[in-house]
Protein backbone atom coordinates (compact mmCIF):
# COMPACT_ATOMS: atom_id res chain seq x y z
CA MET A 1 -3.71 53.11 -43.05
CA SER A 2 -0.29 53.03 -45.12
CA ILE A 3 0.04 53.05 -48.55
CA LEU A 4 1.30 49.28 -49.83
CA PRO A 5 2.20 47.40 -52.92
CA THR A 6 0.14 47.58 -55.55
CA GLU A 7 0.29 43.90 -55.44
CA THR A 8 -0.59 43.32 -51.88
CA ALA A 9 -2.88 45.99 -51.72
CA ARG A 10 -4.67 43.67 -54.54
CA LEU A 11 -4.53 40.64 -52.84
CA ARG A 12 -6.20 42.46 -49.59
CA ILE A 13 -8.65 43.54 -51.67
CA LYS A 14 -9.46 40.03 -52.94
CA ARG A 15 -10.13 38.61 -49.90
CA MET A 16 -11.59 41.72 -47.97
CA GLU A 17 -14.51 40.53 -51.00
CA ALA A 18 -14.39 37.10 -49.85
CA ALA A 19 -14.87 37.94 -46.02
CA LEU A 20 -18.19 39.87 -47.42
CA ILE A 21 -19.28 37.20 -49.03
CA ARG A 22 -18.76 34.63 -45.84
CA SER A 23 -20.50 37.78 -43.77
CA HIS A 24 -23.27 37.95 -45.91
CA LEU A 25 -24.07 34.84 -46.42
CA ALA A 26 -23.78 34.50 -42.62
CA ARG A 27 -26.38 37.85 -41.91
CA PRO A 28 -28.41 38.35 -44.71
CA ASP A 29 -30.68 41.03 -42.94
CA VAL A 30 -27.65 43.33 -42.09
CA LEU A 31 -26.69 44.70 -44.78
CA PRO A 32 -29.05 46.21 -47.15
CA ALA A 33 -28.75 44.05 -50.62
CA ALA A 34 -28.55 46.84 -52.82
CA ASP A 35 -24.96 47.90 -50.72
CA TYR A 36 -23.95 44.94 -50.53
CA GLU A 37 -23.57 44.85 -54.51
CA LEU A 38 -21.87 48.18 -54.74
CA LEU A 39 -19.34 47.14 -52.54
CA ARG A 40 -18.64 43.86 -54.04
CA TYR A 41 -18.55 45.68 -57.14
CA ALA A 42 -16.16 48.48 -55.75
CA LEU A 43 -13.84 45.26 -54.59
CA VAL A 44 -14.16 44.12 -57.74
CA LEU A 45 -13.15 47.37 -59.64
CA ALA A 46 -9.95 48.09 -57.31
CA ARG A 47 -8.13 45.29 -57.90
CA LEU A 48 -8.35 45.33 -61.96
CA GLU A 49 -4.92 46.63 -63.64
CA ARG A 50 -5.71 45.04 -67.36
CA PHE A 51 -8.31 43.50 -68.67
CA LEU A 52 -9.67 41.88 -71.89
CA PRO A 53 -12.38 43.44 -73.15
CA GLY A 54 -15.18 40.82 -74.89
CA ALA A 55 -13.45 38.17 -72.91
CA ALA A 56 -16.19 38.28 -69.54
CA GLY A 57 -19.58 37.27 -69.41
CA PRO A 58 -21.81 34.56 -70.41
CA GLN A 59 -21.09 35.41 -74.25
CA GLY A 60 -17.30 36.22 -73.90
CA ARG A 61 -15.01 35.20 -75.27
CA LYS A 62 -10.72 35.18 -74.87
CA ASP A 63 -10.28 34.95 -78.69
CA ALA A 64 -12.15 37.95 -79.81
CA GLY A 65 -9.34 39.54 -81.45
CA ARG A 66 -9.10 42.26 -78.75
CA GLN A 67 -6.22 43.74 -77.05
CA GLU A 68 -5.76 43.62 -73.44
CA ILE A 69 -6.19 46.95 -71.78
CA GLU A 70 -4.18 48.48 -69.14
CA LEU A 71 -6.04 50.71 -67.33
CA HIS A 72 -4.93 54.43 -66.21
CA GLY A 73 -3.48 54.08 -62.71
CA GLU A 74 -4.65 56.75 -60.72
CA PRO A 75 -8.06 56.40 -60.52
CA LEU A 76 -7.90 52.61 -59.32
CA ASP A 77 -5.05 53.65 -56.50
CA VAL A 78 -7.70 56.41 -55.35
CA LEU A 79 -10.35 53.41 -54.75
CA ARG A 80 -8.18 51.03 -53.61
CA GLN A 81 -6.77 53.57 -50.58
CA VAL A 82 -10.48 54.47 -49.63
CA LEU A 83 -11.50 51.19 -49.45
CA LEU A 84 -8.22 49.73 -47.47
CA ASP A 85 -8.60 52.45 -45.22
CA GLN A 86 -12.45 52.58 -44.15
CA LEU A 87 -13.03 48.50 -45.19
CA TYR A 88 -10.11 47.05 -44.57
CA GLY A 89 -10.35 46.81 -40.20
CA PRO A 90 -14.17 45.49 -40.39
CA LEU A 91 -14.04 43.02 -43.31
CA ARG A 92 -10.50 41.42 -41.76
CA GLU A 93 -10.62 42.14 -37.98
CA GLN A 94 -13.60 42.30 -36.92
CA ARG A 95 -14.50 39.14 -35.58
CA ASN A 96 -18.17 39.34 -35.06
CA VAL A 97 -19.96 39.57 -38.10
CA ILE A 98 -22.75 41.92 -37.06
CA LEU A 99 -20.37 44.50 -35.68
CA ARG A 100 -18.48 44.23 -38.65
CA LEU A 101 -21.49 44.79 -41.22
CA ALA A 102 -22.52 47.33 -39.32
CA GLN A 103 -19.40 48.88 -39.66
CA VAL A 104 -19.19 48.29 -43.19
CA ARG A 105 -22.81 49.64 -44.14
CA GLN A 106 -21.16 53.72 -42.06
CA GLN A 107 -18.99 53.29 -44.76
CA ILE A 108 -21.62 53.01 -47.58
CA ASP A 109 -21.44 56.48 -48.91
CA SER A 110 -17.90 57.41 -49.15
CA VAL A 111 -17.31 54.39 -51.28
CA ARG A 112 -19.68 54.91 -53.39
CA VAL A 113 -18.34 58.37 -53.84
CA ALA A 114 -15.01 57.10 -54.83
CA LEU A 115 -16.57 54.05 -56.99
CA LYS A 116 -18.63 56.70 -59.06
CA SER A 117 -15.32 58.66 -59.43
CA ALA A 118 -13.12 55.63 -60.54
CA ARG A 119 -15.42 54.63 -62.66
CA HIS A 120 -16.23 57.66 -64.20
CA ALA A 121 -12.32 58.36 -64.74
CA LEU A 122 -11.60 54.82 -66.11
CA LEU A 123 -14.16 55.37 -68.77
CA ALA A 124 -13.01 58.69 -69.48
CA ALA A 125 -9.28 57.50 -70.08
CA HIS A 126 -10.02 54.63 -72.10
CA VAL A 127 -13.03 55.74 -74.10
CA ASN A 128 -11.61 54.65 -77.57
CA ASP A 129 -10.89 51.21 -75.74
CA PHE A 130 -13.65 50.05 -74.14
CA SER A 131 -17.40 50.43 -73.77
CA ALA A 132 -19.21 51.02 -70.71
CA ALA A 133 -20.68 47.53 -71.14
CA GLU A 134 -17.34 45.73 -71.38
CA LEU A 135 -16.22 46.82 -67.97
CA ASP A 136 -18.81 46.20 -66.29
CA ALA A 137 -18.88 42.11 -67.45
CA GLU A 138 -15.55 42.32 -66.36
CA VAL A 139 -16.76 43.09 -62.84
CA CYS A 140 -19.54 41.78 -62.61
CA HIS A 141 -18.88 38.46 -63.96
CA LYS A 142 -16.78 36.31 -61.63
CA VAL A 143 -15.19 32.45 -62.90
CA LEU A 144 -14.56 29.35 -61.06
CA VAL A 145 -10.68 28.73 -60.67
CA LEU A 146 -9.28 25.37 -59.17
CA ALA A 147 -5.73 24.39 -57.56
CA PRO A 148 -6.26 21.03 -56.55
CA GLY A 149 -3.22 19.79 -54.93
CA GLY A 150 -1.39 16.75 -54.37
CA GLY A 151 -1.18 13.59 -52.17
CA GLY A 152 -1.43 10.62 -53.95
CA GLY A 153 -4.53 8.12 -53.74
CA SER A 154 -6.33 10.75 -51.29
CA GLY A 155 -6.70 12.95 -54.19
CA TYR A 156 -9.36 10.89 -55.18
CA VAL A 157 -12.26 12.47 -53.12
CA TYR A 158 -12.09 15.42 -56.04
CA ILE A 159 -13.48 13.61 -58.47
CA GLY A 160 -16.75 13.47 -55.90
CA PHE A 161 -16.13 17.30 -54.97
CA VAL A 162 -15.97 18.38 -59.18
CA ALA A 163 -19.20 16.20 -59.71
CA ARG A 164 -20.95 18.15 -56.82
CA LEU A 165 -19.89 21.67 -58.22
CA ARG A 166 -21.28 20.43 -61.46
CA GLU A 167 -24.35 19.15 -60.60
CA ALA A 168 -25.42 22.21 -59.33
CA GLY A 169 -24.01 23.97 -62.76
CA LEU A 170 -20.68 25.50 -61.66
CA ALA A 171 -17.70 24.26 -63.62
CA PRO A 172 -14.06 25.45 -63.59
CA SER A 173 -12.83 28.03 -66.06
CA TYR A 174 -9.18 27.22 -65.17
CA ILE A 175 -7.40 24.31 -63.20
CA VAL A 176 -4.34 24.33 -61.82
CA GLY A 177 -3.10 21.17 -60.52
CA ALA A 178 0.22 19.37 -58.62
CA SER A 179 0.87 15.54 -58.52
CA ILE A 180 -2.85 13.57 -58.45
CA GLY A 181 -4.15 17.53 -58.46
CA ALA A 182 -2.73 17.40 -61.72
CA LEU A 183 -3.49 14.15 -62.86
CA LEU A 184 -7.33 14.81 -62.27
CA GLY A 185 -7.15 17.81 -63.44
CA GLY A 186 -5.98 16.95 -66.74
CA LEU A 187 -8.90 14.57 -67.07
CA MET A 188 -11.21 17.14 -66.62
CA ALA A 189 -10.11 19.55 -68.31
CA ARG A 190 -9.86 16.81 -71.09
CA ASP A 191 -14.33 18.25 -71.82
CA ARG A 192 -16.40 21.33 -71.21
CA GLU A 193 -19.08 18.67 -69.28
CA PRO A 194 -17.16 15.79 -68.56
CA ASP A 195 -18.95 12.65 -68.06
CA VAL A 196 -17.73 11.77 -64.41
CA GLU A 197 -19.50 8.35 -64.95
CA ALA A 198 -17.45 6.82 -67.80
CA LEU A 199 -14.62 8.63 -65.75
CA MET A 200 -15.44 6.74 -62.71
CA ALA A 201 -15.77 3.47 -65.00
CA TRP A 202 -12.91 3.56 -66.95
CA ALA A 203 -10.72 4.51 -63.61
CA LYS A 204 -12.02 1.32 -62.02
CA GLY A 205 -11.11 -0.70 -65.08
CA LEU A 206 -8.32 0.51 -64.87
CA LYS A 207 -4.85 -2.28 -63.48
CA VAL A 208 -1.43 -2.27 -62.16
CA ARG A 209 0.03 -3.16 -65.16
CA HIS A 210 -1.79 0.20 -67.35
CA ILE A 211 -0.13 2.28 -65.12
CA PHE A 212 2.62 1.01 -63.32
CA ALA A 213 6.08 -1.02 -64.54
CA GLN A 214 9.33 -1.94 -63.19
CA PRO A 215 11.59 1.23 -62.75
CA LYS A 216 13.44 1.75 -66.07
CA VAL A 217 17.10 2.50 -66.08
CA GLY A 218 18.29 5.24 -67.27
CA SER A 219 15.29 7.52 -67.27
CA ALA A 220 16.11 10.88 -68.53
CA LEU A 221 13.25 12.21 -67.15
CA SER A 222 12.73 12.22 -63.25
CA LEU A 223 14.62 10.65 -60.72
CA PRO A 224 14.91 7.18 -59.53
CA GLY A 225 11.52 5.32 -57.71
CA LEU A 226 10.41 1.91 -56.71
CA VAL A 227 8.12 1.98 -59.53
CA ARG A 228 7.95 3.18 -63.02
CA LEU A 229 5.22 5.16 -63.44
CA HIS A 230 4.45 4.83 -67.30
CA LEU A 231 0.50 5.87 -67.71
CA ARG A 232 -0.30 3.38 -70.89
CA GLY A 233 -3.96 3.28 -69.84
CA MET A 234 -4.32 7.26 -69.64
CA ASP A 235 -1.79 7.79 -72.69
CA LYS A 236 -4.94 5.92 -74.52
CA MET A 237 -7.64 8.03 -73.16
CA LEU A 238 -5.70 11.19 -73.39
CA CYS A 239 -5.53 11.39 -77.21
CA HIS A 240 -7.83 12.94 -80.04
CA PRO A 241 -10.09 10.83 -82.19
CA ASP A 242 -7.37 9.89 -84.50
CA GLY A 243 -4.82 8.60 -82.15
CA SER A 244 -2.48 11.80 -82.42
CA PRO A 245 -2.01 12.99 -78.25
CA LEU A 246 -3.69 15.49 -76.65
CA ARG A 247 -1.43 18.62 -75.65
CA ILE A 248 -2.48 21.10 -73.49
CA LYS A 249 -3.27 23.52 -75.91
CA ASP A 250 -6.17 21.19 -76.76
CA LEU A 251 -7.69 21.03 -73.62
CA ALA A 252 -11.34 21.94 -73.43
CA VAL A 253 -10.49 24.16 -69.90
CA PRO A 254 -7.43 25.84 -69.51
CA TYR A 255 -5.15 23.58 -67.98
CA ASP A 256 -1.40 23.91 -66.33
CA ALA A 257 0.60 21.05 -64.16
CA MET A 258 3.07 22.17 -61.29
CA ILE A 259 6.35 20.55 -61.28
CA ALA A 260 9.85 20.71 -60.15
CA GLY A 261 13.02 20.27 -61.50
CA VAL A 262 15.90 19.64 -59.61
CA ARG A 263 18.36 22.07 -60.14
CA MET A 264 21.97 20.24 -61.38
CA SER A 265 24.22 21.71 -59.05
CA ALA A 266 21.98 20.80 -55.88
CA TYR A 267 21.68 17.18 -57.03
CA ALA A 268 25.31 15.86 -56.50
CA ASP A 269 24.83 17.18 -52.57
CA MET A 270 21.78 15.07 -52.52
CA PRO A 271 21.53 12.08 -49.84
CA GLN A 272 21.23 8.71 -51.66
CA LEU A 273 18.08 6.61 -50.68
CA PRO A 274 19.30 3.37 -49.05
CA GLN A 275 19.15 0.38 -51.17
CA ARG A 276 17.22 -2.62 -49.62
CA ARG A 277 15.79 -5.49 -50.84
CA SER A 278 12.23 -5.76 -51.16
CA HIS A 279 11.55 -9.04 -48.93
CA LEU A 280 13.90 -7.43 -46.52
CA LEU A 281 11.86 -4.09 -45.98
CA GLY A 282 8.13 -4.45 -47.87
CA MET A 283 7.15 -2.20 -49.85
CA PRO A 284 4.78 -0.09 -47.96
CA LEU A 285 7.57 0.57 -45.18
CA GLN A 286 9.89 1.43 -48.62
CA ILE A 287 7.28 4.02 -49.77
CA ALA A 288 7.05 5.41 -46.33
CA GLU A 289 11.08 5.58 -45.61
CA ARG A 290 11.29 7.71 -49.19
CA MET A 291 8.07 9.72 -48.55
CA VAL A 292 9.89 10.79 -45.42
CA GLN A 293 13.07 11.35 -46.63
CA LEU A 294 11.18 14.16 -49.63
CA ILE A 295 11.81 16.59 -46.59
CA SER A 296 14.98 17.44 -48.12
CA TYR A 297 13.70 18.08 -51.12
CA PHE A 298 11.80 21.28 -49.41
CA ASN A 299 14.49 23.95 -50.35
CA PRO A 300 14.92 26.55 -53.07
CA GLN A 301 17.80 25.79 -53.41
CA VAL A 302 17.44 22.50 -54.74
CA THR A 303 14.57 22.97 -56.83
CA LYS A 304 12.70 24.89 -59.57
CA GLU A 305 9.05 25.41 -59.89
CA LEU A 306 7.87 25.00 -63.29
CA VAL A 307 4.60 25.81 -64.55
CA LEU A 308 3.57 23.85 -67.73
CA GLY A 309 1.12 25.34 -70.09
CA ARG A 310 1.88 28.89 -68.75
CA ASP A 311 3.42 29.70 -72.02
CA GLU A 312 3.18 28.75 -75.69
CA LEU A 313 6.33 26.41 -75.54
CA THR A 314 4.92 23.97 -72.82
CA ARG A 315 1.57 24.10 -74.02
CA GLU A 316 2.69 21.95 -76.63
CA LEU A 317 3.48 19.36 -74.19
CA ARG A 318 1.35 16.13 -74.07
CA VAL A 319 -0.83 16.54 -71.47
CA VAL A 320 0.07 12.75 -70.10
CA ASP A 321 3.68 13.92 -69.94
CA ALA A 322 2.28 16.81 -68.07
CA ILE A 323 1.18 14.34 -65.50
CA GLY A 324 3.40 12.26 -65.34
CA LEU A 325 6.05 14.84 -63.95
CA SER A 326 3.97 16.24 -62.12
CA SER A 327 2.97 12.87 -60.33
CA ALA A 328 6.88 11.77 -59.91
CA ILE A 329 7.84 11.65 -56.30
CA PRO A 330 11.52 11.24 -56.03
CA GLY A 331 12.32 7.90 -54.99
CA VAL A 332 8.87 6.43 -54.84
CA LEU A 333 7.46 6.82 -58.55
CA GLN A 334 10.09 6.92 -61.53
CA TYR A 335 8.19 8.35 -64.59
CA ALA A 336 9.25 7.03 -67.54
CA PRO A 337 6.51 6.98 -70.29
CA TRP A 338 5.81 4.25 -72.52
CA ARG A 339 6.16 6.11 -75.58
CA GLU A 340 7.88 8.58 -75.74
CA ASP A 341 7.07 11.98 -78.25
CA PRO A 342 9.66 13.63 -79.78
CA GLN A 343 8.20 16.92 -79.58
CA SER A 344 7.73 16.91 -75.68
CA MET A 345 10.81 15.40 -75.19
CA ALA A 346 12.52 18.56 -77.31
CA ILE A 347 10.55 20.70 -75.31
CA LEU A 348 11.68 19.31 -71.93
CA LYS A 349 15.24 19.46 -72.60
CA THR A 350 14.78 22.99 -73.89
CA LEU A 351 13.48 23.41 -69.90
CA ARG A 352 16.74 21.72 -68.88
CA GLU A 353 18.98 23.51 -70.84
CA GLU A 354 17.65 26.86 -70.11
CA HIS A 355 17.16 26.45 -65.97
CA GLY A 356 20.00 24.08 -65.49
CA LEU A 357 18.26 20.92 -64.44
CA PHE A 358 19.30 17.70 -63.74
CA ALA A 359 15.93 16.20 -63.93
CA PHE A 360 11.93 16.91 -63.10
CA MET A 361 9.56 15.93 -60.23
CA ASP A 362 6.45 15.78 -58.53
CA GLY A 363 4.97 19.51 -58.29
CA GLY A 364 4.07 18.89 -54.78
CA THR A 365 7.85 19.84 -54.04
CA VAL A 366 7.47 23.33 -54.55
CA ALA A 367 4.30 24.12 -54.42
CA ASN A 368 1.44 21.10 -53.10
CA VAL A 369 -1.54 23.60 -52.87
CA PRO A 370 -0.66 25.79 -56.05
CA ALA A 371 -3.07 28.83 -55.62
CA ARG A 372 -0.52 31.08 -56.43
CA ALA A 373 0.41 29.31 -59.69
CA ALA A 374 -3.57 29.51 -60.65
CA TRP A 375 -3.09 33.35 -59.76
CA GLU A 376 -0.57 34.32 -61.41
CA GLY A 377 -2.28 32.17 -64.08
CA VAL A 378 -5.12 34.50 -64.34
CA GLU A 379 -3.28 37.63 -63.95
CA SER A 380 -1.26 36.88 -66.97
CA GLY A 381 -4.22 36.47 -69.26
CA ARG A 382 -4.39 33.08 -69.41
CA ILE A 383 -8.05 32.95 -69.18
CA GLY A 384 -9.06 36.59 -70.30
CA THR A 385 -11.15 38.01 -67.74
CA ARG A 386 -9.33 38.61 -64.40
CA ASN A 387 -11.57 38.39 -62.31
CA ALA A 388 -11.83 34.93 -60.46
CA TYR A 389 -12.73 33.00 -57.26
CA TYR A 390 -10.23 30.93 -55.91
CA VAL A 391 -10.99 27.59 -54.83
CA ALA A 392 -8.07 25.54 -53.20
CA LEU A 393 -8.05 21.67 -52.40
CA ASP A 394 -6.25 20.18 -50.22
CA CYS A 395 -6.17 16.46 -49.24
CA PHE A 396 -2.45 15.97 -48.25
CA HIS A 397 -2.31 17.11 -44.63
CA PRO A 398 -2.24 15.46 -40.97
CA GLN A 399 -4.86 13.03 -40.56
CA TRP A 400 -5.34 10.03 -38.08
CA GLY A 401 -5.76 6.96 -39.17
CA ALA A 402 -3.53 3.97 -40.30
CA GLY A 403 -3.44 5.12 -44.01
CA HIS A 404 -2.30 8.34 -42.58
CA THR A 405 -0.50 8.43 -39.28
CA TRP A 406 2.86 7.32 -40.31
CA LEU A 407 3.20 10.46 -43.11
CA PHE A 408 2.93 13.19 -40.32
CA PRO A 409 6.80 14.33 -41.12
CA VAL A 410 5.65 14.89 -44.77
CA THR A 411 1.94 16.33 -44.30
CA GLN A 412 3.55 18.30 -41.69
CA MET A 413 6.02 20.02 -43.76
CA ILE A 414 3.95 19.84 -46.71
CA GLN A 415 0.97 22.09 -44.25
CA SER A 416 4.30 24.99 -43.64
CA GLN A 417 3.98 25.58 -47.59
CA LEU A 418 0.16 26.62 -47.13
CA THR A 419 1.39 29.86 -45.52
CA ALA A 420 2.63 31.04 -48.76
CA GLN A 421 -0.10 30.05 -50.74
CA ARG A 422 -2.78 31.34 -47.98
CA ARG A 423 -3.23 34.84 -49.83
CA TYR A 424 -3.88 33.49 -53.28
CA TYR A 425 -7.01 31.20 -52.51
CA ASP A 426 -10.59 32.64 -51.90
CA TRP A 427 -11.41 29.23 -49.77
CA LEU A 428 -8.97 26.01 -48.76
CA GLN A 429 -10.87 23.42 -48.52
CA ARG A 430 -9.59 20.56 -46.37
CA PHE A 431 -10.36 17.15 -47.29
CA GLU A 432 -11.16 14.51 -44.30
CA PRO A 433 -11.36 11.07 -44.72
CA THR A 434 -9.70 10.48 -47.67
CA PRO A 435 -8.43 7.47 -48.92
CA SER A 436 -4.39 6.62 -47.84
CA PRO A 437 -1.99 8.51 -50.24
CA VAL A 438 -0.47 5.19 -50.61
CA ASN A 439 -3.63 4.13 -52.26
CA LEU A 440 -2.27 4.48 -55.86
CA LEU A 441 -4.91 2.45 -57.81
CA PRO A 442 -7.62 1.49 -55.06
CA SER A 443 -10.34 -1.00 -55.38
CA ASP A 444 -13.86 -0.32 -57.01
CA GLU A 445 -15.04 0.20 -52.84
CA VAL A 446 -12.73 2.77 -51.88
CA PHE A 447 -13.56 4.48 -55.02
CA ASP A 448 -16.88 5.16 -54.57
CA LYS A 449 -16.21 5.98 -50.64
CA ALA A 450 -13.65 8.74 -52.38
CA PHE A 451 -16.19 10.17 -54.64
CA GLN A 452 -19.07 10.22 -51.81
CA TRP A 453 -16.32 11.86 -49.66
CA GLY A 454 -15.56 14.44 -51.70
CA TRP A 455 -19.71 15.18 -53.00
CA GLN A 456 -20.20 15.41 -49.59
CA GLN A 457 -17.80 18.04 -48.63
CA ALA A 458 -18.35 20.41 -51.62
CA GLU A 459 -21.68 20.95 -49.31
CA VAL A 460 -19.74 23.01 -47.44
CA VAL A 461 -18.04 25.19 -50.10
CA LEU A 462 -21.29 25.27 -52.00
CA PRO A 463 -23.39 28.74 -50.87
CA GLN A 464 -20.34 30.08 -50.98
CA LEU A 465 -19.36 29.77 -54.20
CA GLN A 466 -23.01 30.10 -55.78
CA GLU A 467 -23.07 33.52 -54.13
CA ALA A 468 -19.53 34.52 -55.41
CA LEU A 469 -20.02 33.35 -58.87
CA ARG A 470 -23.60 35.13 -59.13
CA PRO A 471 -23.66 37.51 -61.76
CA LEU A 472 -23.59 41.02 -59.82
CA ARG A 473 -26.26 43.55 -60.15
CA LEU A 474 -25.00 47.01 -61.06
CA PRO A 475 -24.68 49.27 -58.69
CA VAL A 476 -26.75 52.81 -58.33
CA LEU A 477 -24.50 55.17 -58.01
CA ASP A 478 -26.11 58.67 -58.41
């Protein structure tokens, strides 16, 4: 196999490990446990470029006062090439699970030799930077990263999904959301162990006036819409006990929100939405019409991807503002907070000026399932460890049913985005059934159904997660 660019090689190896986990779960009788553990250790180590000693494992801390270490490249380059040459074919191209694992087993000895050499060389090159125990902790302990995507009211299934994972003892270490995924992700990131029942009770108690209002003329943050999204009811929830606003940096779980910026150079040429009186065209049909017109925004020449929370500046934003901007659907939902925060407004003004933007809007237009942003966040050191299992959550895809069929043009366009995201996630959970996307503030009955649907569909991925996040045993290399 030819030598690949480093990032491409590392992403391929990441997906090879995910394939190994799935295969071993399907047929645990083919590959001995010790060989399986050795292969997973090698596949994780080969992906490392840098890490923060002391950040991984049950007692790991990102703020331990240590510096990140960039690893000596040559030993890992050799290990990567061995794994790609000998394991890529079986793990990614062999369809028969038994043959796949049998072919992998034939390569164990050569992988063991390459792994032993690479680990020994790394420890020798970094004898003053980290210990063997710290390197092993990074490799043997994987964390969960969630990338919940947009989809309006369909996204309420995420609450049941995450509740089921927590029931099984699995909690995300990092959340990167878009649109409804940013909204629910921000609420879930507020506490290390959120009270899901209390969250459901709060959500069921929301009234239209707590979230929506008539559009505001001259909003400086987002594009015009049929309805103003002010999030007053959520703003009160996302505050400290003293009433001061909760900012992204204050959340218990690291969290980023995907938004889009409308380029100043492109806005003047965008097609204008038709002006019709609402009694001539009912609100659901107006939303349908404008959702279809979103297609014109799926263009990198029109919009720029921004990740709020990725840097020190945007981590000072109010969480409610990050949620509101990520949910501002052009022509449908205009985000205009009920109470502006001077600090957030100054940060957003800086972003507009730096990037030449007219306004901000729904993050789903640039990456509705933000798996790449999640991977880039981990790689940038957002959570310390680089060893993560990425689960992408997709609630907005073509479905049959009265609440979904008319959105086929938009959902099909959104699904085309997944091609660019595919190599960054380890598992894509596509939810069906879901509530209708336009049911933004559903009844108690729909809330309960969405919770149960999400809970039930978590059962599909749960075995994969439990196995992927189980601490690895150190391989025997002698």
